[in-house]
All heavy atoms as atom14 arrays in JSON, in Angstrom:
{
  "sequence": "DNIPVRSTLFCGQSPDAFNLKNFIDMINGLSDEQKRSITG",
  "atom14_mask": [
    [1, 1, 1, 1, 1, 1, 1, 1, 0, 0, 0, 0, 0, 0],
    [1, 1, 1, 1, 1, 1, 1, 1, 0, 0, 0, 0, 0, 0],
    [1, 1, 1, 1, 1, 1, 1, 1, 0, 0, 0, 0, 0, 0],
    [1, 1, 1, 1, 1, 1, 1, 0, 0, 0, 0, 0, 0, 0],
    [1, 1, 1, 1, 1, 1, 1, 0, 0, 0, 0, 0, 0, 0],
    [1, 1, 1, 1, 1, 1, 1, 1, 1, 1, 1, 0, 0, 0],
    [1, 1, 1, 1, 1, 1, 0, 0, 0, 0, 0, 0, 0, 0],
    [1, 1, 1, 1, 1, 1, 1, 0, 0, 0, 0, 0, 0, 0],
    [1, 1, 1, 1, 1, 1, 1, 1, 0, 0, 0, 0, 0, 0],
    [1, 1, 1, 1, 1, 1, 1, 1, 1, 1, 1, 0, 0, 0],
    [1, 1, 1, 1, 1, 1, 0, 0, 0, 0, 0, 0, 0, 0],
    [1, 1, 1, 1, 0, 0, 0, 0, 0, 0, 0, 0, 0, 0],
    [1, 1, 1, 1, 1, 1, 1, 1, 1, 0, 0, 0, 0, 0],
    [1, 1, 1, 1, 1, 1, 0, 0, 0, 0, 0, 0, 0, 0],
    [1, 1, 1, 1, 1, 1, 1, 0, 0, 0, 0, 0, 0, 0],
    [1, 1, 1, 1, 1, 1, 1, 1, 0, 0, 0, 0, 0, 0],
    [1, 1, 1, 1, 1, 0, 0, 0, 0, 0, 0, 0, 0, 0],
    [1, 1, 1, 1, 1, 1, 1, 1, 1, 1, 1, 0, 0, 0],
    [1, 1, 1, 1, 1, 1, 1, 1, 0, 0, 0, 0, 0, 0],
    [1, 1, 1, 1, 1, 1, 1, 1, 0, 0, 0, 0, 0, 0],
    [1, 1, 1, 1, 1, 1, 1, 1, 1, 0, 0, 0, 0, 0],
    [1, 1, 1, 1, 1, 1, 1, 1, 0, 0, 0, 0, 0, 0],
    [1, 1, 1, 1, 1, 1, 1, 1, 1, 1, 1, 0, 0, 0],
    [1, 1, 1, 1, 1, 1, 1, 1, 0, 0, 0, 0, 0, 0],
    [1, 1, 1, 1, 1, 1, 1, 1, 0, 0, 0, 0, 0, 0],
    [1, 1, 1, 1, 1, 1, 1, 1, 0, 0, 0, 0, 0, 0],
    [1, 1, 1, 1, 1, 1, 1, 1, 0, 0, 0, 0, 0, 0],
    [1, 1, 1, 1, 1, 1, 1, 1, 0, 0, 0, 0, 0, 0],
    [1, 1, 1, 1, 0, 0, 0, 0, 0, 0, 0, 0, 0, 0],
    [1, 1, 1, 1, 1, 1, 1, 1, 0, 0, 0, 0, 0, 0],
    [1, 1, 1, 1, 1, 1, 0, 0, 0, 0, 0, 0, 0, 0],
    [1, 1, 1, 1, 1, 1, 1, 1, 0, 0, 0, 0, 0, 0],
    [1, 1, 1, 1, 1, 1, 1, 1, 1, 0, 0, 0, 0, 0],
    [1, 1, 1, 1, 1, 1, 1, 1, 1, 0, 0, 0, 0, 0],
    [1, 1, 1, 1, 1, 1, 1, 1, 1, 0, 0, 0, 0, 0],
    [1, 1, 1, 1, 1, 1, 1, 1, 1, 1, 1, 0, 0, 0],
    [1, 1, 1, 1, 1, 1, 0, 0, 0, 0, 0, 0, 0, 0],
    [1, 1, 1, 1, 1, 1, 1, 1, 0, 0, 0, 0, 0, 0],
    [1, 1, 1, 1, 1, 1, 1, 0, 0, 0, 0, 0, 0, 0],
    [1, 1, 1, 1, 0, 0, 0, 0, 0, 0, 0, 0, 0, 0]
  ],
  "atom14_positions": [
    [[-23.62, 6.42, -3.35], [-23.94, 5.47, -2.27], [-23.49, 5.98, -0.9], [-24.11, 5.67, 0.1], [-23.26, 4.13, -2.54], [-23.71, 3.5, -3.84], [-24.93, 3.51, -4.11], [-22.85, 2.98, -4.59], [0.0, 0.0, 0.0], [0.0, 0.0, 0.0], [0.0, 0.0, 0.0], [0.0, 0.0, 0.0], [0.0, 0.0, 0.0], [0.0, 0.0, 0.0]],
    [[-22.42, 6.77, -0.9], [-21.89, 7.21, 0.39], [-20.98, 8.43, 0.15], [-20.4, 8.58, -0.92], [-21.06, 6.07, 1.02], [-20.56, 6.43, 2.4], [-21.24, 7.08, 3.2], [-19.33, 6.03, 2.72], [0.0, 0.0, 0.0], [0.0, 0.0, 0.0], [0.0, 0.0, 0.0], [0.0, 0.0, 0.0], [0.0, 0.0, 0.0], [0.0, 0.0, 0.0]],
    [[-20.95, 9.28, 1.17], [-20.04, 10.44, 1.15], [-19.15, 10.31, 2.4], [-19.58, 10.65, 3.5], [-20.79, 11.77, 1.14], [-21.73, 11.83, -0.07], [-19.81, 12.93, 1.13], [-22.57, 13.11, -0.13], [0.0, 0.0, 0.0], [0.0, 0.0, 0.0], [0.0, 0.0, 0.0], [0.0, 0.0, 0.0], [0.0, 0.0, 0.0], [0.0, 0.0, 0.0]],
    [[-17.92, 9.8, 2.24], [-17.03, 9.64, 3.39], [-16.68, 10.98, 4.01], [-16.72, 12.03, 3.39], [-15.79, 8.97, 2.78], [-16.24, 8.41, 1.49], [-17.31, 9.32, 0.99], [0.0, 0.0, 0.0], [0.0, 0.0, 0.0], [0.0, 0.0, 0.0], [0.0, 0.0, 0.0], [0.0, 0.0, 0.0], [0.0, 0.0, 0.0], [0.0, 0.0, 0.0]],
    [[-16.36, 10.91, 5.3], [-15.93, 12.11, 6.03], [-14.59, 12.57, 5.46], [-13.59, 11.84, 5.49], [-15.8, 11.8, 7.53], [-15.31, 13.06, 8.29], [-17.12, 11.33, 8.1], [0.0, 0.0, 0.0], [0.0, 0.0, 0.0], [0.0, 0.0, 0.0], [0.0, 0.0, 0.0], [0.0, 0.0, 0.0], [0.0, 0.0, 0.0], [0.0, 0.0, 0.0]],
    [[-14.59, 13.78, 4.91], [-13.42, 14.27, 4.2], [-12.18, 14.32, 5.07], [-11.04, 14.1, 4.6], [-13.7, 15.63, 3.61], [-12.61, 16.15, 2.68], [-13.04, 17.41, 1.93], [-13.45, 18.46, 2.85], [-14.01, 19.59, 2.47], [-14.25, 19.78, 1.21], [-14.33, 20.51, 3.36], [0.0, 0.0, 0.0], [0.0, 0.0, 0.0], [0.0, 0.0, 0.0]],
    [[-12.33, 14.62, 6.33], [-11.17, 14.78, 7.21], [-10.41, 13.47, 7.44], [-9.29, 13.49, 7.94], [-11.6, 15.38, 8.56], [-12.5, 14.49, 9.21], [0.0, 0.0, 0.0], [0.0, 0.0, 0.0], [0.0, 0.0, 0.0], [0.0, 0.0, 0.0], [0.0, 0.0, 0.0], [0.0, 0.0, 0.0], [0.0, 0.0, 0.0], [0.0, 0.0, 0.0]],
    [[-11.04, 12.37, 7.06], [-10.36, 11.06, 7.22], [-9.71, 10.57, 5.92], [-9.16, 9.48, 5.89], [-11.37, 10.0, 7.69], [-12.32, 9.73, 6.66], [-12.1, 10.45, 8.95], [0.0, 0.0, 0.0], [0.0, 0.0, 0.0], [0.0, 0.0, 0.0], [0.0, 0.0, 0.0], [0.0, 0.0, 0.0], [0.0, 0.0, 0.0], [0.0, 0.0, 0.0]],
    [[-9.8, 11.38, 4.87], [-9.32, 10.96, 3.56], [-8.06, 11.71, 3.17], [-7.95, 12.92, 3.36], [-10.4, 11.16, 2.51], [-11.71, 10.43, 2.72], [-12.72, 10.83, 1.67], [-11.51, 8.93, 2.72], [0.0, 0.0, 0.0], [0.0, 0.0, 0.0], [0.0, 0.0, 0.0], [0.0, 0.0, 0.0], [0.0, 0.0, 0.0], [0.0, 0.0, 0.0]],
    [[-7.11, 10.99, 2.58], [-5.84, 11.57, 2.14], [-5.46, 11.01, 0.77], [-5.73, 9.86, 0.48], [-4.73, 11.24, 3.14], [-4.94, 11.83, 4.49], [-5.76, 11.22, 5.42], [-4.3, 13.02, 4.85], [-5.97, 11.77, 6.68], [-4.51, 13.58, 6.11], [-5.34, 12.96, 7.02], [0.0, 0.0, 0.0], [0.0, 0.0, 0.0], [0.0, 0.0, 0.0]],
    [[-4.86, 11.87, -0.03], [-4.34, 11.41, -1.32], [-2.95, 10.83, -1.13], [-2.07, 11.48, -0.54], [-4.24, 12.6, -2.29], [-5.81, 13.32, -2.74], [0.0, 0.0, 0.0], [0.0, 0.0, 0.0], [0.0, 0.0, 0.0], [0.0, 0.0, 0.0], [0.0, 0.0, 0.0], [0.0, 0.0, 0.0], [0.0, 0.0, 0.0], [0.0, 0.0, 0.0]],
    [[-2.75, 9.63, -1.62], [-1.43, 9.02, -1.55], [-0.53, 9.6, -2.63], [-0.94, 9.78, -3.77], [0.0, 0.0, 0.0], [0.0, 0.0, 0.0], [0.0, 0.0, 0.0], [0.0, 0.0, 0.0], [0.0, 0.0, 0.0], [0.0, 0.0, 0.0], [0.0, 0.0, 0.0], [0.0, 0.0, 0.0], [0.0, 0.0, 0.0], [0.0, 0.0, 0.0]],
    [[0.68, 9.94, -2.25], [1.68, 10.44, -3.2], [2.89, 9.53, -3.14], [2.83, 8.38, -2.66], [2.06, 11.88, -2.83], [0.88, 12.86, -2.86], [1.28, 14.28, -2.53], [2.4, 14.56, -2.07], [0.38, 15.22, -2.78], [0.0, 0.0, 0.0], [0.0, 0.0, 0.0], [0.0, 0.0, 0.0], [0.0, 0.0, 0.0], [0.0, 0.0, 0.0]],
    [[3.99, 9.97, -3.64], [5.27, 9.3, -3.39], [6.28, 10.4, -3.12], [6.05, 11.58, -3.47], [5.69, 8.45, -4.61], [6.13, 9.24, -5.69], [0.0, 0.0, 0.0], [0.0, 0.0, 0.0], [0.0, 0.0, 0.0], [0.0, 0.0, 0.0], [0.0, 0.0, 0.0], [0.0, 0.0, 0.0], [0.0, 0.0, 0.0], [0.0, 0.0, 0.0]],
    [[7.38, 10.1, -2.41], [7.91, 8.76, -2.19], [7.25, 8.02, -1.04], [6.65, 8.61, -0.14], [9.38, 9.03, -1.87], [9.38, 10.4, -1.22], [8.31, 11.16, -1.95], [0.0, 0.0, 0.0], [0.0, 0.0, 0.0], [0.0, 0.0, 0.0], [0.0, 0.0, 0.0], [0.0, 0.0, 0.0], [0.0, 0.0, 0.0], [0.0, 0.0, 0.0]],
    [[7.39, 6.69, -1.11], [7.2, 5.8, 0.03], [8.59, 5.37, 0.47], [9.53, 5.37, -0.3], [6.41, 4.55, -0.37], [5.02, 4.89, -0.9], [4.16, 5.24, -0.08], [4.82, 4.84, -2.13], [0.0, 0.0, 0.0], [0.0, 0.0, 0.0], [0.0, 0.0, 0.0], [0.0, 0.0, 0.0], [0.0, 0.0, 0.0], [0.0, 0.0, 0.0]],
    [[8.71, 5.02, 1.75], [10.03, 4.61, 2.25], [9.85, 3.54, 3.31], [8.87, 3.51, 4.03], [10.79, 5.81, 2.81], [0.0, 0.0, 0.0], [0.0, 0.0, 0.0], [0.0, 0.0, 0.0], [0.0, 0.0, 0.0], [0.0, 0.0, 0.0], [0.0, 0.0, 0.0], [0.0, 0.0, 0.0], [0.0, 0.0, 0.0], [0.0, 0.0, 0.0]],
    [[10.86, 2.66, 3.39], [10.75, 1.49, 4.27], [12.12, 1.08, 4.8], [13.14, 1.37, 4.16], [10.17, 0.31, 3.52], [8.92, 0.58, 2.76], [8.98, 1.04, 1.47], [7.66, 0.42, 3.35], [7.84, 1.33, 0.74], [6.53, 0.7, 2.65], [6.58, 1.15, 1.36], [0.0, 0.0, 0.0], [0.0, 0.0, 0.0], [0.0, 0.0, 0.0]],
    [[12.13, 0.41, 5.93], [13.3, -0.35, 6.32], [13.52, -1.42, 5.25], [12.6, -2.19, 4.95], [13.1, -0.99, 7.67], [14.25, -1.92, 8.06], [14.3, -3.06, 7.64], [15.16, -1.42, 8.87], [0.0, 0.0, 0.0], [0.0, 0.0, 0.0], [0.0, 0.0, 0.0], [0.0, 0.0, 0.0], [0.0, 0.0, 0.0], [0.0, 0.0, 0.0]],
    [[14.67, -1.46, 4.62], [14.88, -2.29, 3.46], [14.73, -3.8, 3.78], [14.1, -4.55, 3.02], [16.25, -2.02, 2.82], [16.61, -2.86, 1.61], [15.55, -2.8, 0.54], [17.97, -2.42, 1.04], [0.0, 0.0, 0.0], [0.0, 0.0, 0.0], [0.0, 0.0, 0.0], [0.0, 0.0, 0.0], [0.0, 0.0, 0.0], [0.0, 0.0, 0.0]],
    [[15.32, -4.23, 4.89], [15.23, -5.66, 5.23], [13.77, -6.08, 5.4], [13.34, -7.14, 4.91], [16.02, -5.97, 6.49], [17.47, -6.37, 6.23], [18.08, -7.08, 7.41], [19.41, -7.67, 7.02], [20.05, -8.39, 8.17], [0.0, 0.0, 0.0], [0.0, 0.0, 0.0], [0.0, 0.0, 0.0], [0.0, 0.0, 0.0], [0.0, 0.0, 0.0]],
    [[13.0, -5.27, 6.1], [11.6, -5.6, 6.31], [10.83, -5.58, 4.99], [9.94, -6.43, 4.75], [10.96, -4.62, 7.31], [11.52, -4.77, 8.7], [12.14, -5.78, 9.03], [11.29, -3.77, 9.55], [0.0, 0.0, 0.0], [0.0, 0.0, 0.0], [0.0, 0.0, 0.0], [0.0, 0.0, 0.0], [0.0, 0.0, 0.0], [0.0, 0.0, 0.0]],
    [[11.18, -4.63, 4.16], [10.5, -4.5, 2.86], [10.77, -5.73, 1.99], [9.87, -6.26, 1.34], [10.95, -3.22, 2.15], [10.18, -2.88, 0.91], [8.84, -2.53, 0.99], [10.78, -2.89, -0.32], [8.11, -2.2, -0.13], [10.07, -2.58, -1.48], [8.73, -2.23, -1.39], [0.0, 0.0, 0.0], [0.0, 0.0, 0.0], [0.0, 0.0, 0.0]],
    [[12.01, -6.18, 1.99], [12.35, -7.38, 1.23], [11.55, -8.59, 1.72], [11.03, -9.36, 0.93], [13.89, -7.65, 1.33], [14.66, -6.6, 0.53], [14.21, -9.06, 0.83], [16.18, -6.68, 0.72], [0.0, 0.0, 0.0], [0.0, 0.0, 0.0], [0.0, 0.0, 0.0], [0.0, 0.0, 0.0], [0.0, 0.0, 0.0], [0.0, 0.0, 0.0]],
    [[11.46, -8.73, 3.05], [10.7, -9.84, 3.61], [9.25, -9.77, 3.17], [8.64, -10.81, 2.85], [10.81, -9.85, 5.12], [12.2, -10.25, 5.62], [12.94, -10.85, 4.85], [12.51, -9.94, 6.8], [0.0, 0.0, 0.0], [0.0, 0.0, 0.0], [0.0, 0.0, 0.0], [0.0, 0.0, 0.0], [0.0, 0.0, 0.0], [0.0, 0.0, 0.0]],
    [[8.65, -8.58, 3.18], [7.25, -8.43, 2.79], [7.08, -8.73, 1.32], [6.13, -9.44, 0.94], [6.76, -7.03, 3.14], [6.57, -6.76, 4.6], [5.69, -5.22, 4.98], [6.92, -4.0, 4.51], [0.0, 0.0, 0.0], [0.0, 0.0, 0.0], [0.0, 0.0, 0.0], [0.0, 0.0, 0.0], [0.0, 0.0, 0.0], [0.0, 0.0, 0.0]],
    [[7.96, -8.21, 0.5], [7.87, -8.47, -0.96], [7.96, -9.97, -1.25], [7.15, -10.53, -2.01], [9.0, -7.73, -1.71], [8.72, -6.22, -1.75], [9.17, -8.31, -3.11], [7.61, -5.82, -2.73], [0.0, 0.0, 0.0], [0.0, 0.0, 0.0], [0.0, 0.0, 0.0], [0.0, 0.0, 0.0], [0.0, 0.0, 0.0], [0.0, 0.0, 0.0]],
    [[8.91, -10.63, -0.64], [9.12, -12.04, -0.91], [8.01, -12.92, -0.35], [7.85, -14.07, -0.79], [10.48, -12.49, -0.35], [11.63, -11.92, -1.12], [11.51, -11.54, -2.27], [12.8, -11.85, -0.49], [0.0, 0.0, 0.0], [0.0, 0.0, 0.0], [0.0, 0.0, 0.0], [0.0, 0.0, 0.0], [0.0, 0.0, 0.0], [0.0, 0.0, 0.0]],
    [[7.26, -12.4, 0.57], [6.16, -13.17, 1.17], [4.82, -13.03, 0.47], [3.84, -13.69, 0.83], [0.0, 0.0, 0.0], [0.0, 0.0, 0.0], [0.0, 0.0, 0.0], [0.0, 0.0, 0.0], [0.0, 0.0, 0.0], [0.0, 0.0, 0.0], [0.0, 0.0, 0.0], [0.0, 0.0, 0.0], [0.0, 0.0, 0.0], [0.0, 0.0, 0.0]],
    [[4.76, -12.16, -0.53], [3.49, -11.92, -1.25], [3.14, -13.09, -2.17], [4.01, -13.64, -2.87], [3.58, -10.66, -2.08], [3.69, -9.33, -1.32], [3.94, -8.19, -2.32], [2.41, -9.04, -0.53], [0.0, 0.0, 0.0], [0.0, 0.0, 0.0], [0.0, 0.0, 0.0], [0.0, 0.0, 0.0], [0.0, 0.0, 0.0], [0.0, 0.0, 0.0]],
    [[1.88, -13.46, -2.19], [1.41, -14.41, -3.17], [1.18, -13.72, -4.51], [1.1, -12.47, -4.57], [0.11, -15.05, -2.69], [-0.96, -14.1, -2.68], [0.0, 0.0, 0.0], [0.0, 0.0, 0.0], [0.0, 0.0, 0.0], [0.0, 0.0, 0.0], [0.0, 0.0, 0.0], [0.0, 0.0, 0.0], [0.0, 0.0, 0.0], [0.0, 0.0, 0.0]],
    [[1.06, -14.5, -5.57], [0.76, -13.88, -6.87], [-0.57, -13.15, -6.87], [-0.7, -12.07, -7.47], [0.74, -14.98, -7.96], [2.11, -15.54, -8.25], [3.11, -14.86, -7.95], [2.18, -16.66, -8.79], [0.0, 0.0, 0.0], [0.0, 0.0, 0.0], [0.0, 0.0, 0.0], [0.0, 0.0, 0.0], [0.0, 0.0, 0.0], [0.0, 0.0, 0.0]],
    [[-1.54, -13.68, -6.14], [-2.84, -13.02, -6.05], [-2.73, -11.69, -5.33], [-3.34, -10.68, -5.75], [-3.84, -13.92, -5.32], [-5.25, -13.33, -5.22], [-6.2, -14.24, -4.5], [-5.79, -15.35, -4.09], [-7.38, -13.86, -4.34], [0.0, 0.0, 0.0], [0.0, 0.0, 0.0], [0.0, 0.0, 0.0], [0.0, 0.0, 0.0], [0.0, 0.0, 0.0]],
    [[-1.95, -11.63, -4.27], [-1.76, -10.38, -3.54], [-1.03, -9.36, -4.41], [-1.41, -8.17, -4.44], [-0.95, -10.66, -2.26], [-1.75, -11.36, -1.19], [-0.88, -11.8, -0.01], [0.3, -12.1, -0.17], [-1.45, -11.76, 1.19], [0.0, 0.0, 0.0], [0.0, 0.0, 0.0], [0.0, 0.0, 0.0], [0.0, 0.0, 0.0], [0.0, 0.0, 0.0]],
    [[-0.03, -9.82, -5.16], [0.69, -8.89, -6.04], [-0.25, -8.24, -7.05], [-0.15, -7.06, -7.38], [1.82, -9.62, -6.76], [2.99, -10.0, -5.89], [4.06, -10.74, -6.66], [5.2, -11.16, -5.78], [6.24, -11.94, -6.53], [0.0, 0.0, 0.0], [0.0, 0.0, 0.0], [0.0, 0.0, 0.0], [0.0, 0.0, 0.0], [0.0, 0.0, 0.0]],
    [[-1.17, -9.01, -7.59], [-2.06, -8.51, -8.63], [-3.04, -7.46, -8.08], [-3.6, -6.67, -8.83], [-2.87, -9.65, -9.26], [-2.01, -10.69, -9.98], [-1.49, -10.21, -11.33], [-0.43, -9.21, -11.27], [0.85, -9.47, -11.04], [1.25, -10.73, -10.89], [1.75, -8.52, -11.04], [0.0, 0.0, 0.0], [0.0, 0.0, 0.0], [0.0, 0.0, 0.0]],
    [[-3.25, -7.44, -6.77], [-4.21, -6.49, -6.17], [-3.54, -5.23, -5.73], [-4.23, -4.26, -5.35], [-4.9, -7.14, -4.97], [-3.98, -7.34, -3.88], [0.0, 0.0, 0.0], [0.0, 0.0, 0.0], [0.0, 0.0, 0.0], [0.0, 0.0, 0.0], [0.0, 0.0, 0.0], [0.0, 0.0, 0.0], [0.0, 0.0, 0.0], [0.0, 0.0, 0.0]],
    [[-2.21, -5.15, -5.8], [-1.47, -3.97, -5.34], [-1.42, -2.9, -6.43], [-1.08, -3.18, -7.55], [-0.05, -4.36, -4.93], [-0.1, -5.24, -3.66], [0.82, -3.14, -4.68], [1.24, -5.88, -3.29], [0.0, 0.0, 0.0], [0.0, 0.0, 0.0], [0.0, 0.0, 0.0], [0.0, 0.0, 0.0], [0.0, 0.0, 0.0], [0.0, 0.0, 0.0]],
    [[-1.79, -1.7, -6.05], [-1.77, -0.57, -7.03], [-0.73, 0.47, -6.64], [-0.35, 1.27, -7.5], [-3.17, 0.1, -7.1], [-3.56, 0.55, -5.78], [-4.2, -0.9, -7.6], [0.0, 0.0, 0.0], [0.0, 0.0, 0.0], [0.0, 0.0, 0.0], [0.0, 0.0, 0.0], [0.0, 0.0, 0.0], [0.0, 0.0, 0.0], [0.0, 0.0, 0.0]],
    [[-0.31, 0.49, -5.4], [0.68, 1.46, -4.96], [1.92, 0.76, -4.45], [2.39, -0.22, -5.03], [0.0, 0.0, 0.0], [0.0, 0.0, 0.0], [0.0, 0.0, 0.0], [0.0, 0.0, 0.0], [0.0, 0.0, 0.0], [0.0, 0.0, 0.0], [0.0, 0.0, 0.0], [0.0, 0.0, 0.0], [0.0, 0.0, 0.0], [0.0, 0.0, 0.0]]
  ]
}
């Protein structure tokens, strides 16, 4: 259906890193529906 421009595409790896306080706030604010859609 489409061939995206390769230069705009990146493979996600790990680690990921965050300010912990902000990360806690984001985690606690997620709905159950949002959690189910998260893959990374």
